[in-house]
Amino acid sequence: MNSNQRCGIVLAGGRGTRLWPATRVVSKQLFAVYDKPLIYYPLATLAEIGIRDILIITTRESRSAFERVLGDGSQFGLRFSFASQAEPRGIAEALLIGADFIGTRSVALILGDNVFYGASETIRKAVADSTQATIFTYPVTDPERYGVIVFDVSGQPTQIVEKPTSFLSSHAVTGLYAYDSSVVDIANQLQPSSRGELEITDVNRAYLERGDLSVVRLGRGSAWLDTGTADSLLEAANFIATIERRQGTKIACLEEIAYRQGYVTVSELQKLADQMPAGDYRAYIESVINEG
């Protein structure tokens, strides 16, 4: 794979405390969201925008389970590497853990519990420029739960505020961030916040202050789901189920994405199908093959 291409990192660590006791022995990113593991969804977002070299960061306890579920990625025409996060010390720590993996490349960092739908082309175009940082916002009714972007009257971003206590903006920062290769240097200069974490908001502020931050607004025709709670997991599963049943297509089907993107051939896709047990998922893959 071309070492100059953008690489990807999926941060699938954390303790999942908001989902306790379900997360007592299983990482939340391995929970089923309708018909596939949650980790498939952020991986699909990266694969759909052309990112094929992906580092998955999880806990030491869960790493072997992720390796069993995902393998090395070659079955999807991708390459998966794995690393461990000893303790949840902030999203920005993923950039330090992945520093050697990133090297001199640009990188897209996505949170392992974020689901994006209908935004692939917008994201692909937005991250084409690898010389700056790009973040994505989505309108929400509860901005106090998120980091938000404040815009001036001309629509230019002026502030990034983490969990504002009074209303400043309804544009929440999603868990997908694209950076140039200088992001590792920025992450190395961070100081832990009052929470004892390396904050991704501080990384984004550094780019904003030097005039290298692009903000892309997602909205109509797309969906962003943050599945950190039991209710939001259920909402995501219901959303995926509704779309898949009505359209007869699957969301975040890594095998199909690999085929559509040209990462695997039809014969390789058939081999994948042959290895699957009989069921709806295999039947769907075979329908993709038969479509030609």
Protein backbone atom coordinates (compact mmCIF):
# COMPACT_ATOMS: atom_id res chain seq x y z
CA MET A 1 0.00 0.00 0.00
CA ASN A 2 1.20 3.49 -0.82
CA SER A 3 2.94 4.94 2.23
CA ASN A 4 1.92 8.45 1.14
CA GLN A 5 -1.80 7.73 1.33
CA ARG A 6 -3.88 8.79 4.30
CA CYS A 7 -4.00 6.16 7.03
CA GLY A 8 -6.75 5.60 9.55
CA ILE A 9 -7.07 5.04 13.29
CA VAL A 10 -10.13 3.65 15.06
CA LEU A 11 -10.14 4.35 18.79
CA ALA A 12 -12.09 1.46 20.34
CA GLY A 13 -10.79 1.64 23.89
CA GLY A 14 -12.41 2.87 27.07
CA ARG A 15 -14.23 0.96 29.76
CA GLY A 16 -17.78 1.49 28.51
CA THR A 17 -18.89 2.57 31.98
CA ARG A 18 -22.16 4.04 30.71
CA LEU A 19 -23.12 0.57 29.46
CA TRP A 20 -22.20 -1.34 32.63
CA PRO A 21 -22.74 -4.24 33.35
CA ALA A 22 -23.06 -5.19 29.66
CA THR A 23 -19.44 -4.11 29.14
CA ARG A 24 -18.12 -6.10 32.08
CA VAL A 25 -16.50 -8.72 29.83
CA VAL A 26 -17.18 -7.47 26.27
CA SER A 27 -16.02 -4.23 24.65
CA LYS A 28 -18.97 -2.12 23.53
CA GLN A 29 -17.43 -1.88 20.05
CA LEU A 30 -18.07 -5.63 19.72
CA PHE A 31 -21.76 -5.28 20.60
CA ALA A 32 -24.15 -6.02 17.74
CA VAL A 33 -25.77 -2.97 16.19
CA TYR A 34 -28.60 -4.72 14.43
CA ASP A 35 -26.77 -7.32 12.28
CA LYS A 36 -23.07 -6.59 12.67
CA PRO A 37 -20.54 -5.56 15.34
CA LEU A 38 -20.38 -1.86 16.15
CA ILE A 39 -16.71 -1.73 15.08
CA TYR A 40 -17.80 -2.48 11.48
CA TYR A 41 -19.41 0.95 11.17
CA PRO A 42 -16.36 3.20 11.73
CA LEU A 43 -14.24 0.76 9.70
CA ALA A 44 -16.77 1.06 6.88
CA THR A 45 -16.58 4.86 7.02
CA LEU A 46 -12.82 4.73 6.53
CA ALA A 47 -12.94 2.05 3.83
CA GLU A 48 -15.60 3.92 1.86
CA ILE A 49 -13.41 7.03 1.61
CA GLY A 50 -10.42 5.05 0.37
CA ILE A 51 -8.48 4.48 3.58
CA ARG A 52 -7.08 0.95 3.61
CA ASP A 53 -4.29 0.96 6.22
CA ILE A 54 -5.99 1.11 9.62
CA LEU A 55 -4.78 0.94 13.22
CA ILE A 56 -7.33 -0.26 15.76
CA ILE A 57 -6.63 0.85 19.33
CA THR A 58 -8.41 -1.00 22.09
CA THR A 59 -7.83 -2.18 25.64
CA ARG A 60 -5.31 -4.86 26.50
CA GLU A 61 -8.13 -7.12 27.68
CA SER A 62 -10.13 -6.77 24.47
CA ARG A 63 -7.35 -6.78 21.90
CA SER A 64 -7.37 -10.53 21.25
CA ALA A 65 -11.16 -10.48 20.74
CA PHE A 66 -10.85 -7.74 18.12
CA GLU A 67 -8.10 -9.69 16.39
CA ARG A 68 -10.33 -12.78 16.26
CA VAL A 69 -13.31 -10.84 14.90
CA LEU A 70 -11.43 -8.79 12.31
CA GLY A 71 -8.27 -10.70 11.42
CA ASP A 72 -5.60 -8.77 9.55
CA GLY A 73 -8.10 -7.11 7.19
CA SER A 74 -6.75 -8.81 4.06
CA GLN A 75 -10.10 -10.51 3.46
CA PHE A 76 -11.48 -7.01 2.85
CA GLY A 77 -8.48 -5.78 0.86
CA LEU A 78 -7.51 -3.74 3.92
CA ARG A 79 -4.67 -3.90 6.42
CA PHE A 80 -5.45 -3.90 10.12
CA SER A 81 -2.89 -3.31 12.85
CA PHE A 82 -3.69 -3.40 16.56
CA ALA A 83 -2.44 -1.47 19.56
CA SER A 84 -3.48 -1.23 23.20
CA GLN A 85 -4.45 1.77 25.33
CA ALA A 86 -3.56 0.98 28.93
CA GLU A 87 -6.01 3.49 30.40
CA PRO A 88 -8.56 5.86 28.81
CA ARG A 89 -6.43 9.02 28.86
CA GLY A 90 -8.28 10.96 26.19
CA ILE A 91 -8.99 10.74 22.48
CA ALA A 92 -5.83 12.63 21.57
CA GLU A 93 -3.72 9.91 23.18
CA ALA A 94 -4.60 7.75 20.17
CA LEU A 95 -2.36 10.02 18.09
CA LEU A 96 0.57 9.31 20.39
CA ILE A 97 -0.09 5.59 20.53
CA GLY A 98 -0.27 5.61 16.75
CA ALA A 99 2.67 7.96 16.15
CA ASP A 100 4.91 5.34 14.55
CA PHE A 101 1.99 4.00 12.53
CA ILE A 102 1.21 7.50 11.21
CA GLY A 103 4.81 8.37 10.43
CA THR A 104 4.82 11.13 7.81
CA ARG A 105 1.33 10.39 6.54
CA SER A 106 -1.92 12.28 7.01
CA VAL A 107 -4.42 10.45 9.20
CA ALA A 108 -8.15 10.15 9.81
CA LEU A 109 -9.10 9.35 13.40
CA ILE A 110 -12.58 7.99 14.10
CA LEU A 111 -14.17 6.92 17.36
CA GLY A 112 -15.17 3.27 17.52
CA ASP A 113 -18.71 4.02 18.73
CA ASN A 114 -19.61 6.53 16.00
CA VAL A 115 -21.94 5.59 13.14
CA PHE A 116 -22.11 7.72 9.99
CA TYR A 117 -24.70 7.20 7.26
CA GLY A 118 -25.13 8.90 3.90
CA ALA A 119 -22.06 11.11 4.23
CA SER A 120 -19.31 9.15 2.47
CA GLU A 121 -18.97 11.37 -0.59
CA THR A 122 -19.01 14.54 1.50
CA ILE A 123 -16.34 13.12 3.78
CA ARG A 124 -14.24 11.82 0.88
CA LYS A 125 -14.14 15.24 -0.78
CA ALA A 126 -13.51 17.03 2.51
CA VAL A 127 -10.44 14.97 3.44
CA ALA A 128 -8.87 15.14 -0.03
CA ASP A 129 -6.68 18.04 1.14
CA SER A 130 -4.06 16.42 3.35
CA THR A 131 -2.33 19.72 4.23
CA GLN A 132 -4.80 20.83 6.90
CA ALA A 133 -7.18 19.53 9.54
CA THR A 134 -10.83 18.81 8.84
CA ILE A 135 -13.55 18.15 11.40
CA PHE A 136 -17.22 17.46 10.88
CA THR A 137 -20.22 18.87 12.71
CA TYR A 138 -23.79 17.69 13.00
CA PRO A 139 -26.82 19.61 14.34
CA VAL A 140 -28.05 18.36 17.72
CA THR A 141 -30.74 19.36 20.19
CA ASP A 142 -28.54 18.68 23.23
CA PRO A 143 -25.27 20.52 22.52
CA GLU A 144 -24.35 20.55 26.21
CA ARG A 145 -23.30 16.90 25.79
CA TYR A 146 -20.71 17.63 23.11
CA GLY A 147 -17.93 19.86 21.95
CA VAL A 148 -19.49 22.50 19.70
CA ILE A 149 -18.26 24.86 17.00
CA VAL A 150 -19.17 28.54 17.19
CA PHE A 151 -19.32 30.37 13.85
CA ASP A 152 -19.18 34.09 13.09
CA VAL A 153 -21.72 35.88 10.88
CA SER A 154 -19.78 34.91 7.75
CA GLY A 155 -19.86 31.23 8.68
CA GLN A 156 -16.22 30.95 9.73
CA PRO A 157 -15.39 28.94 12.86
CA THR A 158 -14.25 31.10 15.77
CA GLN A 159 -14.40 28.85 18.84
CA ILE A 160 -14.53 25.23 19.91
CA VAL A 161 -16.20 24.85 23.28
CA GLU A 162 -16.38 21.54 25.15
CA LYS A 163 -19.77 20.77 26.73
CA PRO A 164 -21.00 24.39 27.00
CA THR A 165 -23.09 25.18 30.06
CA SER A 166 -25.12 27.78 28.16
CA PHE A 167 -26.23 27.72 24.53
CA LEU A 168 -23.52 28.78 22.07
CA SER A 169 -24.15 26.59 19.05
CA SER A 170 -26.09 23.51 17.97
CA HIS A 171 -23.22 22.27 15.76
CA ALA A 172 -21.70 19.32 17.63
CA VAL A 173 -18.26 18.06 16.68
CA THR A 174 -18.55 14.46 15.55
CA GLY A 175 -16.05 11.70 16.29
CA LEU A 176 -14.28 11.88 12.93
CA TYR A 177 -11.15 13.99 12.52
CA ALA A 178 -8.75 14.29 9.57
CA TYR A 179 -5.26 15.69 10.15
CA ASP A 180 -2.02 16.32 8.34
CA SER A 181 1.18 14.66 9.55
CA SER A 182 2.01 17.52 11.95
CA VAL A 183 -0.75 16.34 14.28
CA VAL A 184 1.66 14.06 16.16
CA ASP A 185 3.82 17.09 17.04
CA ILE A 186 0.73 18.93 18.24
CA ALA A 187 -0.38 15.95 20.35
CA ASN A 188 3.09 15.69 21.89
CA GLN A 189 2.78 19.27 23.18
CA LEU A 190 -0.58 18.76 24.89
CA GLN A 191 -1.00 18.99 28.64
CA PRO A 192 -3.64 16.90 30.41
CA SER A 193 -6.90 18.70 31.09
CA SER A 194 -8.58 18.97 34.47
CA ARG A 195 -10.02 15.52 33.73
CA GLY A 196 -6.49 14.17 33.42
CA GLU A 197 -6.97 13.52 29.71
CA LEU A 198 -5.36 14.64 26.46
CA GLU A 199 -8.28 16.40 24.82
CA ILE A 200 -8.95 16.20 21.09
CA THR A 201 -10.58 19.62 21.41
CA ASP A 202 -7.15 21.06 22.23
CA VAL A 203 -5.73 19.51 19.05
CA ASN A 204 -8.53 21.07 17.01
CA ARG A 205 -8.04 24.43 18.71
CA ALA A 206 -4.35 24.38 17.76
CA TYR A 207 -5.31 24.02 14.09
CA LEU A 208 -8.01 26.68 14.44
CA GLU A 209 -5.57 29.15 15.97
CA ARG A 210 -3.09 28.75 13.14
CA GLY A 211 -5.82 29.02 10.49
CA ASP A 212 -5.57 25.42 9.27
CA LEU A 213 -8.91 24.04 10.42
CA SER A 214 -11.68 23.27 7.94
CA VAL A 215 -15.15 22.62 9.37
CA VAL A 216 -17.62 20.63 7.28
CA ARG A 217 -21.26 20.63 8.29
CA LEU A 218 -23.15 17.38 7.88
CA GLY A 219 -26.90 17.54 7.91
CA ARG A 220 -29.84 16.74 5.65
CA GLY A 221 -29.49 13.42 3.88
CA SER A 222 -26.97 12.09 6.37
CA ALA A 223 -26.99 10.77 9.91
CA TRP A 224 -24.48 10.71 12.75
CA LEU A 225 -25.12 8.45 15.71
CA ASP A 226 -23.00 8.41 18.87
CA THR A 227 -23.70 5.03 20.48
CA GLY A 228 -22.24 5.55 23.94
CA THR A 229 -25.38 4.74 25.94
CA ALA A 230 -27.92 1.91 26.01
CA ASP A 231 -30.60 4.16 24.55
CA SER A 232 -28.38 5.42 21.73
CA LEU A 233 -27.29 1.86 20.90
CA LEU A 234 -30.92 0.84 20.59
CA GLU A 235 -31.71 3.90 18.48
CA ALA A 236 -28.81 3.07 16.16
CA ALA A 237 -29.90 -0.55 15.80
CA ASN A 238 -33.46 0.51 15.00
CA PHE A 239 -32.22 3.08 12.48
CA ILE A 240 -29.99 0.54 10.71
CA ALA A 241 -32.76 -2.08 10.73
CA THR A 242 -35.28 0.34 9.21
CA ILE A 243 -32.97 1.44 6.38
CA GLU A 244 -31.80 -2.07 5.58
CA ARG A 245 -35.28 -3.59 5.54
CA ARG A 246 -36.81 -0.81 3.44
CA GLN A 247 -33.97 -0.55 0.92
CA GLY A 248 -32.90 -4.19 0.78
CA THR A 249 -29.26 -3.15 1.18
CA LYS A 250 -26.85 -3.40 4.08
CA ILE A 251 -25.08 -0.56 5.85
CA ALA A 252 -21.40 -1.05 6.78
CA CYS A 253 -21.14 -4.45 5.12
CA LEU A 254 -17.35 -4.60 4.86
CA GLU A 255 -17.40 -7.43 2.31
CA GLU A 256 -19.65 -5.47 -0.04
CA ILE A 257 -17.69 -2.25 0.43
CA ALA A 258 -14.46 -4.10 -0.39
CA TYR A 259 -16.02 -5.39 -3.60
CA ARG A 260 -17.62 -2.09 -4.65
CA GLN A 261 -14.39 -0.21 -3.98
CA GLY A 262 -12.36 -2.70 -5.99
CA TYR A 263 -10.37 -3.91 -3.00
CA VAL A 264 -11.35 -7.54 -3.69
CA THR A 265 -12.40 -9.38 -6.83
CA VAL A 266 -15.70 -11.19 -7.32
CA SER A 267 -13.92 -14.53 -6.92
CA GLU A 268 -12.41 -13.36 -3.61
CA LEU A 269 -15.86 -12.20 -2.50
CA GLN A 270 -17.24 -15.62 -3.39
CA LYS A 271 -14.58 -17.27 -1.22
CA LEU A 272 -15.63 -15.06 1.68
CA ALA A 273 -19.26 -16.05 1.17
CA ASP A 274 -18.34 -19.73 1.02
CA GLN A 275 -16.72 -19.46 4.46
CA MET A 276 -19.84 -17.97 6.06
CA PRO A 277 -22.55 -20.05 7.75
CA ALA A 278 -25.93 -20.17 6.04
CA GLY A 279 -28.04 -17.18 6.99
CA ASP A 280 -29.25 -13.74 5.96
CA TYR A 281 -25.77 -12.21 5.88
CA ARG A 282 -24.37 -14.86 3.53
CA ALA A 283 -27.49 -14.67 1.38
CA TYR A 284 -26.98 -10.92 1.04
CA ILE A 285 -23.33 -11.32 -0.02
CA GLU A 286 -24.38 -13.91 -2.59
CA SER A 287 -27.01 -11.50 -3.92
CA VAL A 288 -24.29 -8.89 -4.40
CA ILE A 289 -22.21 -11.45 -6.31
CA ASN A 290 -25.16 -12.43 -8.49
CA GLU A 291 -25.86 -8.79 -9.37
CA GLY A 292 -22.46 -8.76 -11.09
